[in-house]
Amino acid sequence: MTASDDKSPVISEDQGRTLLSLARQTIADKLGISVADADKEQVEKNLQQETFHQNKGTFVTLHKQGQLRGCIGTIAPVEALSSGIRRNAENAAFGDPRFPAVQKEEFLQLDIELSILTDPQPLDYEDGADLVAKLRPGIDGVILRDGMSSATFLPQVWDQLSRTEDFLTHLCLKAGIASDAWKTRKLEVLTYQVQHFSE
């Protein structure tokens, strides 16, 4: 587990492992792969903890041999943590439009990563230079909105786009707007932080 800021973790290491097991079992069930009853029962028992009933934004990211294989999530805290992980695990495996559905023979090659989001907060800034100055690489997930267009990058994306200018340029492109829109006009920007857990 890595927390992307210095606040006390919301989810413990053990709870993170429970959620990773839940995500993997969810995908296994959909593929028709049997999961030991004892393992299922242990996860269901652990999920009775109050923490898993909190409403949280969640993302589930799948990698296969180091390459992205699916990533689906919910930014807003609109459902219980356990429900969000179940739904997003299934959608990452079978509903990401960028990839074909995961096949049974790929199951053991998948690495699962979970991101648990804090509630997004609006970021007040004056112009492009001020925006660059206020964002915290490696810490902030960023939501960018321009009218009906929007996109987000999790904090982990800073690993690939470490320059803030590059991060914002690619985020604009993901939103389907001009790559330099963050410099040329005022966009709505929100930030959040994550705890992430991986197998």
N, C-alpha and C. Protein backbone atom coordinates (compact mmCIF):
# COMPACT_ATOMS: atom_id res chain seq x y z
N MET A 1 0.85 -1.20 0.00
CA MET A 1 0.00 0.00 0.00
C MET A 1 0.87 1.23 0.00
N THR A 2 0.44 2.22 -0.76
CA THR A 2 1.09 3.52 -0.72
C THR A 2 0.01 4.58 -0.57
N ALA A 3 0.18 5.45 0.39
CA ALA A 3 -0.71 6.60 0.52
C ALA A 3 -0.02 7.76 -0.18
N SER A 4 -0.78 8.53 -0.97
CA SER A 4 -0.15 9.57 -1.78
C SER A 4 -0.06 10.90 -1.05
N ASP A 5 -0.40 10.94 0.20
CA ASP A 5 -0.11 12.13 0.99
C ASP A 5 0.19 11.68 2.42
N ASP A 6 0.39 12.62 3.32
CA ASP A 6 0.86 12.24 4.65
C ASP A 6 -0.26 12.14 5.68
N LYS A 7 -1.51 12.08 5.23
CA LYS A 7 -2.61 11.92 6.17
C LYS A 7 -2.65 10.48 6.68
N SER A 8 -3.31 10.28 7.81
CA SER A 8 -3.46 8.93 8.32
C SER A 8 -4.24 8.10 7.31
N PRO A 9 -3.81 6.87 7.07
CA PRO A 9 -4.50 6.05 6.06
C PRO A 9 -5.93 5.73 6.47
N VAL A 10 -6.82 5.78 5.52
CA VAL A 10 -8.21 5.44 5.75
C VAL A 10 -8.38 3.92 5.78
N ILE A 11 -7.62 3.26 4.92
CA ILE A 11 -7.70 1.81 4.76
C ILE A 11 -6.40 1.20 5.24
N SER A 12 -6.49 0.18 6.08
CA SER A 12 -5.28 -0.47 6.59
C SER A 12 -4.72 -1.44 5.55
N GLU A 13 -3.51 -1.92 5.81
CA GLU A 13 -2.89 -2.92 4.92
C GLU A 13 -3.76 -4.17 4.80
N ASP A 14 -4.26 -4.66 5.93
CA ASP A 14 -5.10 -5.86 5.91
C ASP A 14 -6.39 -5.62 5.14
N GLN A 15 -6.98 -4.45 5.33
CA GLN A 15 -8.21 -4.13 4.60
C GLN A 15 -7.94 -4.01 3.10
N GLY A 16 -6.79 -3.48 2.75
CA GLY A 16 -6.40 -3.41 1.34
C GLY A 16 -6.29 -4.79 0.73
N ARG A 17 -5.71 -5.73 1.49
CA ARG A 17 -5.60 -7.09 0.98
C ARG A 17 -6.98 -7.73 0.80
N THR A 18 -7.90 -7.43 1.72
CA THR A 18 -9.27 -7.93 1.57
C THR A 18 -9.89 -7.41 0.28
N LEU A 19 -9.70 -6.13 -0.01
CA LEU A 19 -10.28 -5.55 -1.22
C LEU A 19 -9.63 -6.13 -2.48
N LEU A 20 -8.32 -6.39 -2.44
CA LEU A 20 -7.66 -7.03 -3.57
C LEU A 20 -8.22 -8.43 -3.81
N SER A 21 -8.45 -9.17 -2.72
CA SER A 21 -9.05 -10.50 -2.84
C SER A 21 -10.45 -10.41 -3.41
N LEU A 22 -11.20 -9.42 -2.95
CA LEU A 22 -12.56 -9.22 -3.46
C LEU A 22 -12.54 -8.95 -4.96
N ALA A 23 -11.64 -8.10 -5.41
CA ALA A 23 -11.55 -7.77 -6.84
C ALA A 23 -11.21 -9.02 -7.65
N ARG A 24 -10.23 -9.79 -7.17
CA ARG A 24 -9.83 -10.98 -7.92
C ARG A 24 -10.95 -12.02 -7.93
N GLN A 25 -11.63 -12.21 -6.79
CA GLN A 25 -12.73 -13.17 -6.75
C GLN A 25 -13.88 -12.75 -7.67
N THR A 26 -14.12 -11.44 -7.74
CA THR A 26 -15.19 -10.94 -8.61
C THR A 26 -14.90 -11.29 -10.07
N ILE A 27 -13.66 -11.09 -10.50
CA ILE A 27 -13.28 -11.40 -11.88
C ILE A 27 -13.32 -12.91 -12.10
N ALA A 28 -12.84 -13.68 -11.12
CA ALA A 28 -12.86 -15.14 -11.24
C ALA A 28 -14.28 -15.65 -11.41
N ASP A 29 -15.20 -15.14 -10.60
CA ASP A 29 -16.61 -15.57 -10.68
C ASP A 29 -17.17 -15.32 -12.08
N LYS A 30 -16.87 -14.16 -12.62
CA LYS A 30 -17.39 -13.80 -13.95
C LYS A 30 -16.82 -14.72 -15.03
N LEU A 31 -15.58 -15.17 -14.83
CA LEU A 31 -14.94 -16.05 -15.80
C LEU A 31 -15.29 -17.52 -15.59
N GLY A 32 -16.01 -17.82 -14.51
CA GLY A 32 -16.34 -19.21 -14.21
C GLY A 32 -15.20 -19.98 -13.59
N ILE A 33 -14.27 -19.26 -12.96
CA ILE A 33 -13.14 -19.90 -12.28
C ILE A 33 -13.53 -20.09 -10.81
N SER A 34 -13.34 -21.31 -10.33
CA SER A 34 -13.78 -21.61 -8.96
C SER A 34 -12.85 -20.95 -7.94
N VAL A 35 -13.46 -20.47 -6.88
CA VAL A 35 -12.73 -19.89 -5.75
C VAL A 35 -13.08 -20.71 -4.52
N ALA A 36 -12.09 -21.07 -3.72
CA ALA A 36 -12.32 -21.89 -2.53
C ALA A 36 -13.36 -21.23 -1.62
N ASP A 37 -14.29 -22.04 -1.14
CA ASP A 37 -15.34 -21.51 -0.26
C ASP A 37 -14.75 -20.80 0.95
N ALA A 38 -13.69 -21.36 1.50
CA ALA A 38 -13.09 -20.76 2.69
C ALA A 38 -12.56 -19.36 2.38
N ASP A 39 -12.00 -19.18 1.18
CA ASP A 39 -11.48 -17.86 0.80
C ASP A 39 -12.63 -16.87 0.63
N LYS A 40 -13.70 -17.32 0.01
CA LYS A 40 -14.87 -16.45 -0.17
C LYS A 40 -15.46 -16.05 1.19
N GLU A 41 -15.57 -17.03 2.07
CA GLU A 41 -16.16 -16.78 3.38
C GLU A 41 -15.30 -15.80 4.19
N GLN A 42 -13.98 -15.92 4.06
CA GLN A 42 -13.10 -15.03 4.79
C GLN A 42 -13.26 -13.60 4.30
N VAL A 43 -13.34 -13.42 2.99
CA VAL A 43 -13.53 -12.08 2.44
C VAL A 43 -14.86 -11.50 2.90
N GLU A 44 -15.93 -12.30 2.82
CA GLU A 44 -17.25 -11.81 3.22
C GLU A 44 -17.27 -11.45 4.71
N LYS A 45 -16.58 -12.24 5.51
CA LYS A 45 -16.49 -11.94 6.94
C LYS A 45 -15.77 -10.61 7.17
N ASN A 46 -14.64 -10.44 6.48
CA ASN A 46 -13.87 -9.20 6.63
C ASN A 46 -14.67 -7.99 6.18
N LEU A 47 -15.50 -8.17 5.16
CA LEU A 47 -16.25 -7.04 4.60
C LEU A 47 -17.34 -6.52 5.54
N GLN A 48 -17.56 -7.21 6.66
CA GLN A 48 -18.53 -6.71 7.64
C GLN A 48 -18.00 -5.50 8.40
N GLN A 49 -16.70 -5.24 8.31
CA GLN A 49 -16.12 -4.09 9.00
C GLN A 49 -16.74 -2.79 8.49
N GLU A 50 -16.92 -1.86 9.39
CA GLU A 50 -17.57 -0.59 9.05
C GLU A 50 -16.85 0.16 7.94
N THR A 51 -15.53 0.04 7.90
CA THR A 51 -14.74 0.75 6.88
C THR A 51 -15.26 0.48 5.48
N PHE A 52 -15.65 -0.75 5.21
CA PHE A 52 -16.04 -1.13 3.85
C PHE A 52 -17.42 -0.62 3.47
N HIS A 53 -18.13 -0.02 4.43
CA HIS A 53 -19.45 0.55 4.14
C HIS A 53 -19.38 2.05 3.88
N GLN A 54 -18.18 2.63 4.01
CA GLN A 54 -18.02 4.05 3.69
C GLN A 54 -18.21 4.26 2.19
N ASN A 55 -18.80 5.39 1.83
CA ASN A 55 -18.88 5.75 0.42
C ASN A 55 -17.55 6.37 -0.01
N LYS A 56 -16.92 5.76 -1.02
CA LYS A 56 -15.63 6.22 -1.52
C LYS A 56 -15.58 6.08 -3.04
N GLY A 57 -14.88 7.01 -3.67
CA GLY A 57 -14.52 6.81 -5.08
C GLY A 57 -13.45 5.74 -5.16
N THR A 58 -13.54 4.88 -6.18
CA THR A 58 -12.57 3.80 -6.34
C THR A 58 -12.22 3.61 -7.81
N PHE A 59 -10.99 3.17 -8.04
CA PHE A 59 -10.57 2.73 -9.37
C PHE A 59 -9.95 1.35 -9.25
N VAL A 60 -10.20 0.51 -10.24
CA VAL A 60 -9.53 -0.78 -10.35
C VAL A 60 -8.75 -0.78 -11.65
N THR A 61 -7.45 -1.06 -11.54
CA THR A 61 -6.55 -1.07 -12.69
C THR A 61 -5.97 -2.47 -12.84
N LEU A 62 -6.01 -2.99 -14.05
CA LEU A 62 -5.46 -4.30 -14.35
C LEU A 62 -4.23 -4.14 -15.25
N HIS A 63 -3.17 -4.86 -14.92
CA HIS A 63 -2.00 -4.93 -15.77
C HIS A 63 -1.74 -6.39 -16.13
N LYS A 64 -1.20 -6.59 -17.32
CA LYS A 64 -0.79 -7.92 -17.77
C LYS A 64 0.61 -7.78 -18.34
N GLN A 65 1.55 -8.46 -17.71
CA GLN A 65 2.96 -8.39 -18.12
C GLN A 65 3.43 -6.94 -18.21
N GLY A 66 3.04 -6.15 -17.22
CA GLY A 66 3.48 -4.77 -17.13
C GLY A 66 2.73 -3.79 -18.00
N GLN A 67 1.79 -4.27 -18.82
CA GLN A 67 1.03 -3.41 -19.71
C GLN A 67 -0.40 -3.24 -19.20
N LEU A 68 -0.94 -2.04 -19.37
CA LEU A 68 -2.32 -1.78 -18.96
C LEU A 68 -3.26 -2.74 -19.67
N ARG A 69 -4.18 -3.33 -18.90
CA ARG A 69 -5.15 -4.28 -19.47
C ARG A 69 -6.59 -3.86 -19.20
N GLY A 70 -6.75 -2.79 -18.42
CA GLY A 70 -8.09 -2.28 -18.13
C GLY A 70 -8.03 -1.37 -16.92
N CYS A 71 -8.83 -0.32 -16.95
CA CYS A 71 -8.91 0.58 -15.81
C CYS A 71 -10.25 1.30 -15.84
N ILE A 72 -11.04 1.07 -14.81
CA ILE A 72 -12.36 1.69 -14.70
C ILE A 72 -12.53 2.14 -13.25
N GLY A 73 -13.16 3.29 -13.09
CA GLY A 73 -13.38 3.76 -11.73
C GLY A 73 -14.50 4.75 -11.61
N THR A 74 -14.72 5.14 -10.37
CA THR A 74 -15.74 6.12 -10.03
C THR A 74 -15.08 7.18 -9.16
N ILE A 75 -15.15 8.43 -9.60
CA ILE A 75 -14.50 9.51 -8.86
C ILE A 75 -15.33 9.92 -7.64
N ALA A 76 -16.62 10.08 -7.84
CA ALA A 76 -17.47 10.57 -6.76
C ALA A 76 -17.75 9.46 -5.74
N PRO A 77 -17.86 9.81 -4.47
CA PRO A 77 -18.13 8.82 -3.42
C PRO A 77 -19.61 8.49 -3.35
N VAL A 78 -20.10 7.74 -4.33
CA VAL A 78 -21.54 7.51 -4.45
C VAL A 78 -21.97 6.12 -4.02
N GLU A 79 -21.01 5.24 -3.68
CA GLU A 79 -21.40 3.91 -3.25
C GLU A 79 -20.39 3.37 -2.25
N ALA A 80 -20.82 2.35 -1.51
CA ALA A 80 -19.96 1.76 -0.49
C ALA A 80 -18.68 1.22 -1.13
N LEU A 81 -17.61 1.29 -0.37
CA LEU A 81 -16.30 0.87 -0.85
C LEU A 81 -16.32 -0.53 -1.44
N SER A 82 -16.90 -1.48 -0.73
CA SER A 82 -16.92 -2.86 -1.23
C SER A 82 -17.72 -2.98 -2.52
N SER A 83 -18.84 -2.27 -2.62
CA SER A 83 -19.66 -2.31 -3.83
C SER A 83 -18.91 -1.71 -5.02
N GLY A 84 -18.20 -0.60 -4.76
CA GLY A 84 -17.45 0.05 -5.83
C GLY A 84 -16.33 -0.83 -6.35
N ILE A 85 -15.63 -1.52 -5.47
CA ILE A 85 -14.55 -2.41 -5.91
C ILE A 85 -15.11 -3.56 -6.73
N ARG A 86 -16.23 -4.14 -6.28
CA ARG A 86 -16.85 -5.22 -7.06
C ARG A 86 -17.21 -4.75 -8.47
N ARG A 87 -17.91 -3.64 -8.54
CA ARG A 87 -18.40 -3.15 -9.84
C ARG A 87 -17.25 -2.75 -10.76
N ASN A 88 -16.27 -2.03 -10.20
CA ASN A 88 -15.18 -1.55 -11.04
C ASN A 88 -14.21 -2.67 -11.43
N ALA A 89 -14.08 -3.69 -10.59
CA ALA A 89 -13.26 -4.85 -10.98
C ALA A 89 -13.89 -5.54 -12.19
N GLU A 90 -15.19 -5.74 -12.13
CA GLU A 90 -15.87 -6.37 -13.27
C GLU A 90 -15.77 -5.50 -14.52
N ASN A 91 -15.98 -4.20 -14.36
CA ASN A 91 -15.93 -3.31 -15.51
C ASN A 91 -14.53 -3.17 -16.08
N ALA A 92 -13.51 -3.16 -15.21
CA ALA A 92 -12.12 -3.07 -15.71
C ALA A 92 -11.77 -4.29 -16.54
N ALA A 93 -12.26 -5.45 -16.10
CA ALA A 93 -11.95 -6.70 -16.81
C ALA A 93 -12.77 -6.89 -18.08
N PHE A 94 -14.02 -6.45 -18.05
CA PHE A 94 -14.93 -6.80 -19.14
C PHE A 94 -15.62 -5.61 -19.80
N GLY A 95 -15.43 -4.40 -19.27
CA GLY A 95 -16.17 -3.26 -19.79
C GLY A 95 -15.36 -2.06 -20.19
N ASP A 96 -14.01 -2.18 -20.18
CA ASP A 96 -13.19 -1.06 -20.63
C ASP A 96 -13.20 -1.05 -22.15
N PRO A 97 -13.76 0.01 -22.77
CA PRO A 97 -13.91 0.00 -24.24
C PRO A 97 -12.59 0.00 -25.00
N ARG A 98 -11.49 0.28 -24.31
CA ARG A 98 -10.18 0.30 -24.97
C ARG A 98 -9.60 -1.09 -25.17
N PHE A 99 -10.18 -2.09 -24.51
CA PHE A 99 -9.60 -3.44 -24.52
C PHE A 99 -10.68 -4.49 -24.73
N PRO A 100 -10.31 -5.63 -25.33
CA PRO A 100 -11.25 -6.76 -25.35
C PRO A 100 -11.43 -7.30 -23.94
N ALA A 101 -12.53 -7.99 -23.73
CA ALA A 101 -12.79 -8.57 -22.41
C ALA A 101 -11.69 -9.54 -22.03
N VAL A 102 -11.35 -9.56 -20.74
CA VAL A 102 -10.36 -10.51 -20.24
C VAL A 102 -10.85 -11.93 -20.48
N GLN A 103 -9.93 -12.80 -20.91
CA GLN A 103 -10.25 -14.20 -21.14
C GLN A 103 -9.74 -15.06 -19.99
N LYS A 104 -10.33 -16.24 -19.87
CA LYS A 104 -10.01 -17.14 -18.77
C LYS A 104 -8.51 -17.43 -18.68
N GLU A 105 -7.89 -17.63 -19.84
CA GLU A 105 -6.47 -18.00 -19.83
C GLU A 105 -5.55 -16.85 -19.40
N GLU A 106 -6.09 -15.64 -19.34
CA GLU A 106 -5.30 -14.49 -18.90
C GLU A 106 -5.34 -14.27 -17.39
N PHE A 107 -6.25 -14.93 -16.72
CA PHE A 107 -6.56 -14.60 -15.32
C PHE A 107 -5.33 -14.59 -14.42
N LEU A 108 -4.52 -15.62 -14.51
CA LEU A 108 -3.36 -15.72 -13.62
C LEU A 108 -2.25 -14.75 -13.99
N GLN A 109 -2.34 -14.15 -15.18
CA GLN A 109 -1.33 -13.18 -15.59
C GLN A 109 -1.68 -11.75 -15.18
N LEU A 110 -2.88 -11.58 -14.63
CA LEU A 110 -3.32 -10.23 -14.26
C LEU A 110 -2.73 -9.80 -12.93
N ASP A 111 -2.30 -8.56 -12.88
CA ASP A 111 -1.94 -7.91 -11.63
C ASP A 111 -2.99 -6.83 -11.37
N ILE A 112 -3.52 -6.82 -10.16
CA ILE A 112 -4.62 -5.92 -9.82
C ILE A 112 -4.12 -4.81 -8.91
N GLU A 113 -4.51 -3.58 -9.24
CA GLU A 113 -4.19 -2.43 -8.40
C GLU A 113 -5.49 -1.69 -8.08
N LEU A 114 -5.64 -1.29 -6.84
CA LEU A 114 -6.83 -0.56 -6.39
C LEU A 114 -6.43 0.83 -5.94
N SER A 115 -7.25 1.81 -6.27
CA SER A 115 -7.07 3.18 -5.79
C SER A 115 -8.31 3.60 -5.03
N ILE A 116 -8.11 4.07 -3.80
CA ILE A 116 -9.20 4.56 -2.97
C ILE A 116 -9.04 6.08 -2.89
N LEU A 117 -10.06 6.81 -3.34
CA LEU A 117 -9.94 8.25 -3.51
C LEU A 117 -10.49 9.03 -2.32
N THR A 118 -9.84 10.15 -2.03
CA THR A 118 -10.45 11.15 -1.15
C THR A 118 -11.50 11.91 -1.97
N ASP A 119 -12.36 12.65 -1.29
CA ASP A 119 -13.37 13.43 -2.02
C ASP A 119 -12.69 14.56 -2.80
N PRO A 120 -12.98 14.71 -4.09
CA PRO A 120 -12.35 15.77 -4.89
C PRO A 120 -12.69 17.16 -4.36
N GLN A 121 -11.69 18.03 -4.40
CA GLN A 121 -11.85 19.41 -3.94
C GLN A 121 -11.48 20.38 -5.06
N PRO A 122 -12.27 21.45 -5.27
CA PRO A 122 -11.93 22.44 -6.30
C PRO A 122 -10.58 23.09 -6.00
N LEU A 123 -9.81 23.32 -7.05
CA LEU A 123 -8.52 23.99 -6.92
C LEU A 123 -8.66 25.40 -7.50
N ASP A 124 -8.45 26.39 -6.67
CA ASP A 124 -8.54 27.78 -7.11
C ASP A 124 -7.17 28.20 -7.65
N TYR A 125 -7.15 28.74 -8.86
CA TYR A 125 -5.88 29.18 -9.46
C TYR A 125 -6.14 30.36 -10.38
N GLU A 126 -5.08 31.10 -10.63
CA GLU A 126 -5.21 32.34 -11.43
C GLU A 126 -5.04 32.10 -12.92
N ASP A 127 -4.00 31.36 -13.30
CA ASP A 127 -3.71 31.15 -14.72
C ASP A 127 -2.89 29.86 -14.84
N GLY A 128 -2.43 29.56 -16.06
CA GLY A 128 -1.70 28.32 -16.29
C GLY A 128 -0.47 28.18 -15.41
N ALA A 129 0.28 29.26 -15.26
CA ALA A 129 1.50 29.20 -14.45
C ALA A 129 1.16 28.93 -12.98
N ASP A 130 0.10 29.54 -12.50
CA ASP A 130 -0.32 29.33 -11.12
C ASP A 130 -0.80 27.89 -10.93
N LEU A 131 -1.49 27.35 -11.93
CA LEU A 131 -1.96 25.97 -11.86
C LEU A 131 -0.77 25.01 -11.76
N VAL A 132 0.24 25.24 -12.58
CA VAL A 132 1.44 24.40 -12.55
C VAL A 132 2.08 24.47 -11.16
N ALA A 133 2.11 25.66 -10.58
CA ALA A 133 2.75 25.86 -9.27
C ALA A 133 1.98 25.16 -8.15
N LYS A 134 0.66 25.08 -8.28
CA LYS A 134 -0.15 24.56 -7.19
C LYS A 134 -0.34 23.05 -7.20
N LEU A 135 -0.20 22.43 -8.36
CA LEU A 135 -0.34 20.97 -8.40
C LEU A 135 0.88 20.30 -7.80
N ARG A 136 0.65 19.17 -7.13
CA ARG A 136 1.72 18.45 -6.44
C ARG A 136 1.98 17.12 -7.15
N PRO A 137 3.03 17.07 -7.98
CA PRO A 137 3.34 15.82 -8.70
C PRO A 137 3.50 14.64 -7.74
N GLY A 138 2.91 13.52 -8.13
CA GLY A 138 3.00 12.32 -7.33
C GLY A 138 2.01 12.25 -6.18
N ILE A 139 1.34 13.34 -5.89
CA ILE A 139 0.39 13.40 -4.77
C ILE A 139 -1.04 13.61 -5.27
N ASP A 140 -1.23 14.58 -6.15
CA ASP A 140 -2.57 14.96 -6.56
C ASP A 140 -3.05 14.17 -7.77
N GLY A 141 -4.24 13.57 -7.63
CA GLY A 141 -5.00 13.19 -8.81
C GLY A 141 -5.73 14.43 -9.28
N VAL A 142 -5.93 14.56 -10.57
CA VAL A 142 -6.48 15.80 -11.13
C VAL A 142 -7.69 15.49 -12.00
N ILE A 143 -8.75 16.24 -11.78
CA ILE A 143 -9.93 16.22 -12.63
C ILE A 143 -9.97 17.55 -13.37
N LEU A 144 -10.13 17.50 -14.66
CA LEU A 144 -10.18 18.71 -15.48
C LEU A 144 -11.50 18.72 -16.22
N ARG A 145 -12.20 19.85 -16.16
CA ARG A 145 -13.50 19.96 -16.82
C ARG A 145 -13.56 21.23 -17.66
N ASP A 146 -14.17 21.09 -18.83
CA ASP A 146 -14.38 22.22 -19.73
C ASP A 146 -15.74 22.03 -20.38
N GLY A 147 -16.76 22.66 -19.81
CA GLY A 147 -18.12 22.42 -20.31
C GLY A 147 -18.51 20.98 -20.07
N MET A 148 -18.90 20.29 -21.15
CA MET A 148 -19.30 18.89 -21.03
C MET A 148 -18.12 17.94 -21.11
N SER A 149 -16.94 18.45 -21.40
CA SER A 149 -15.75 17.61 -21.52
C SER A 149 -15.05 17.50 -20.18
N SER A 150 -14.59 16.30 -19.85
CA SER A 150 -13.86 16.12 -18.61
C SER A 150 -12.98 14.89 -18.70
N ALA A 151 -11.96 14.86 -17.84
CA ALA A 151 -11.06 13.70 -17.75
C ALA A 151 -10.35 13.76 -16.41
N THR A 152 -9.81 12.62 -16.02
CA THR A 152 -9.02 12.58 -14.79
C THR A 152 -7.79 11.72 -15.00
N PHE A 153 -6.73 12.04 -14.28
CA PHE A 153 -5.56 11.19 -14.14
C PHE A 153 -5.37 10.90 -12.65
N LEU A 154 -5.19 9.63 -12.32
CA LEU A 154 -4.82 9.25 -10.96
C LEU A 154 -3.41 9.75 -10.65
N PRO A 155 -3.07 9.88 -9.37
CA PRO A 155 -1.71 10.31 -9.03
C PRO A 155 -0.62 9.41 -9.61
N GLN A 156 -0.93 8.13 -9.82
CA GLN A 156 0.07 7.21 -10.36
C GLN A 156 0.54 7.62 -11.75
N VAL A 157 -0.27 8.41 -12.47
CA VAL A 157 0.10 8.83 -13.83
C VAL A 157 1.32 9.75 -13.82
N TRP A 158 1.57 10.39 -12.68
CA TRP A 158 2.78 11.21 -12.59
C TRP A 158 4.04 10.38 -12.83
N ASP A 159 3.97 9.08 -12.59
CA ASP A 159 5.14 8.22 -12.84
C ASP A 159 5.54 8.23 -14.30
N GLN A 160 4.55 8.39 -15.19
CA GLN A 160 4.84 8.46 -16.63
C GLN A 160 4.97 9.89 -17.14
N LEU A 161 4.28 10.82 -16.50
CA LEU A 161 4.27 12.23 -16.94
C LEU A 161 4.70 13.09 -15.75
N SER A 162 5.98 13.14 -15.49
CA SER A 162 6.47 13.78 -14.27
C SER A 162 6.50 15.30 -14.36
N ARG A 163 6.57 15.85 -15.58
CA ARG A 163 6.51 17.32 -15.73
C ARG A 163 5.05 17.75 -15.69
N THR A 164 4.74 18.72 -14.85
CA THR A 164 3.35 19.15 -14.69
C THR A 164 2.77 19.63 -16.01
N GLU A 165 3.56 20.31 -16.82
CA GLU A 165 3.07 20.79 -18.12
C GLU A 165 2.66 19.62 -19.02
N ASP A 166 3.45 18.54 -19.01
CA ASP A 166 3.12 17.36 -19.83
C ASP A 166 1.87 16.66 -19.27
N PHE A 167 1.79 16.59 -17.97
CA PHE A 167 0.63 15.98 -17.30
C PHE A 167 -0.64 16.69 -17.73
N LEU A 168 -0.63 18.02 -17.68
CA LEU A 168 -1.82 18.80 -18.03
C LEU A 168 -2.13 18.71 -19.52
N THR A 169 -1.10 18.72 -20.34
CA THR A 169 -1.31 18.62 -21.79
C THR A 169 -1.99 17.31 -22.15
N HIS A 170 -1.51 16.20 -21.60
CA HIS A 170 -2.11 14.90 -21.89
C HIS A 170 -3.51 14.77 -21.28
N LEU A 171 -3.73 15.41 -20.15
CA LEU A 171 -5.05 15.37 -19.54
C LEU A 171 -6.06 16.13 -20.40
N CYS A 172 -5.65 17.25 -20.97
CA CYS A 172 -6.52 17.98 -21.91
C CYS A 172 -6.86 17.11 -23.11
N LEU A 173 -5.87 16.43 -23.66
CA LEU A 173 -6.11 15.56 -24.81
C LEU A 173 -7.07 14.43 -24.44
N LYS A 174 -6.90 13.87 -23.24
CA LYS A 174 -7.82 12.81 -22.78
C LYS A 174 -9.24 13.33 -22.69
N ALA A 175 -9.39 14.60 -22.31
CA ALA A 175 -10.72 15.21 -22.21
C ALA A 175 -11.30 15.58 -23.57
N GLY A 176 -10.48 15.49 -24.61
CA GLY A 176 -10.95 15.80 -25.96
C GLY A 176 -10.97 17.29 -26.27
N ILE A 177 -10.10 18.05 -25.58
CA ILE A 177 -10.00 19.49 -25.84
C ILE A 177 -8.57 19.81 -26.27
N ALA A 178 -8.35 21.05 -26.68
CA ALA A 178 -7.03 21.45 -27.17
C ALA A 178 -5.96 21.16 -26.12
N SER A 179 -4.80 20.71 -26.58
CA SER A 179 -3.75 20.29 -25.66
C SER A 179 -3.23 21.43 -24.79
N ASP A 180 -3.38 22.66 -25.27
CA ASP A 180 -2.89 23.81 -24.50
C ASP A 180 -4.01 24.58 -23.80
N ALA A 181 -5.19 23.95 -23.71
CA ALA A 181 -6.34 24.64 -23.10
C ALA A 181 -6.05 25.06 -21.67
N TRP A 182 -5.24 24.29 -20.97
CA TRP A 182 -4.92 24.63 -19.58
C TRP A 182 -4.14 25.94 -19.48
N LYS A 183 -3.49 26.32 -20.59
CA LYS A 183 -2.71 27.57 -20.61
C LYS A 183 -3.53 28.75 -21.14
N THR A 184 -4.46 28.46 -22.06
CA THR A 184 -5.10 29.53 -22.81
C THR A 184 -6.45 29.98 -22.25
N ARG A 185 -7.05 29.18 -21.38
CA ARG A 185 -8.32 29.59 -20.79
C ARG A 185 -8.51 28.95 -19.43
N LYS A 186 -9.49 29.43 -18.71
CA LYS A 186 -9.73 28.96 -17.34
C LYS A 186 -10.59 27.70 -17.39
N LEU A 187 -10.07 26.62 -16.87
CA LEU A 187 -10.78 25.36 -16.80
C LEU A 187 -11.16 25.09 -15.35
N GLU A 188 -12.14 24.24 -15.15
CA GLU A 188 -12.47 23.80 -13.80
C GLU A 188 -11.52 22.67 -13.43
N VAL A 189 -10.83 22.83 -12.32
CA VAL A 189 -9.86 21.83 -11.88
C VAL A 189 -10.18 21.40 -10.45
N LEU A 190 -10.21 20.11 -10.22
CA LEU A 190 -10.38 19.54 -8.89
C LEU A 190 -9.23 18.57 -8.63
N THR A 191 -8.87 18.44 -7.38
CA THR A 191 -7.81 17.49 -7.03
C THR A 191 -8.29 16.54 -5.94
N TYR A 192 -7.65 15.39 -5.90
CA TYR A 192 -7.93 14.39 -4.88
C TYR A 192 -6.64 13.61 -4.63
N GLN A 193 -6.62 12.84 -3.57
CA GLN A 193 -5.49 11.98 -3.29
C GLN A 193 -5.98 10.54 -3.20
N VAL A 194 -5.04 9.60 -3.26
CA VAL A 194 -5.45 8.20 -3.21
C VAL A 194 -4.56 7.40 -2.27
N GLN A 195 -5.14 6.32 -1.78
CA GLN A 195 -4.36 5.20 -1.26
C GLN A 195 -4.41 4.15 -2.35
N HIS A 196 -3.28 3.55 -2.66
CA HIS A 196 -3.37 2.47 -3.63
C HIS A 196 -2.73 1.20 -3.10
N PHE A 197 -3.33 0.10 -3.50
CA PHE A 197 -2.92 -1.23 -3.07
C PHE A 197 -2.72 -2.08 -4.31
N SER A 198 -1.67 -2.87 -4.33
CA SER A 198 -1.46 -3.75 -5.49
C SER A 198 -0.98 -5.11 -5.02
N GLU A 199 -1.22 -6.08 -5.87
CA GLU A 199 -0.85 -7.46 -5.54
C GLU A 199 0.67 -7.63 -5.63
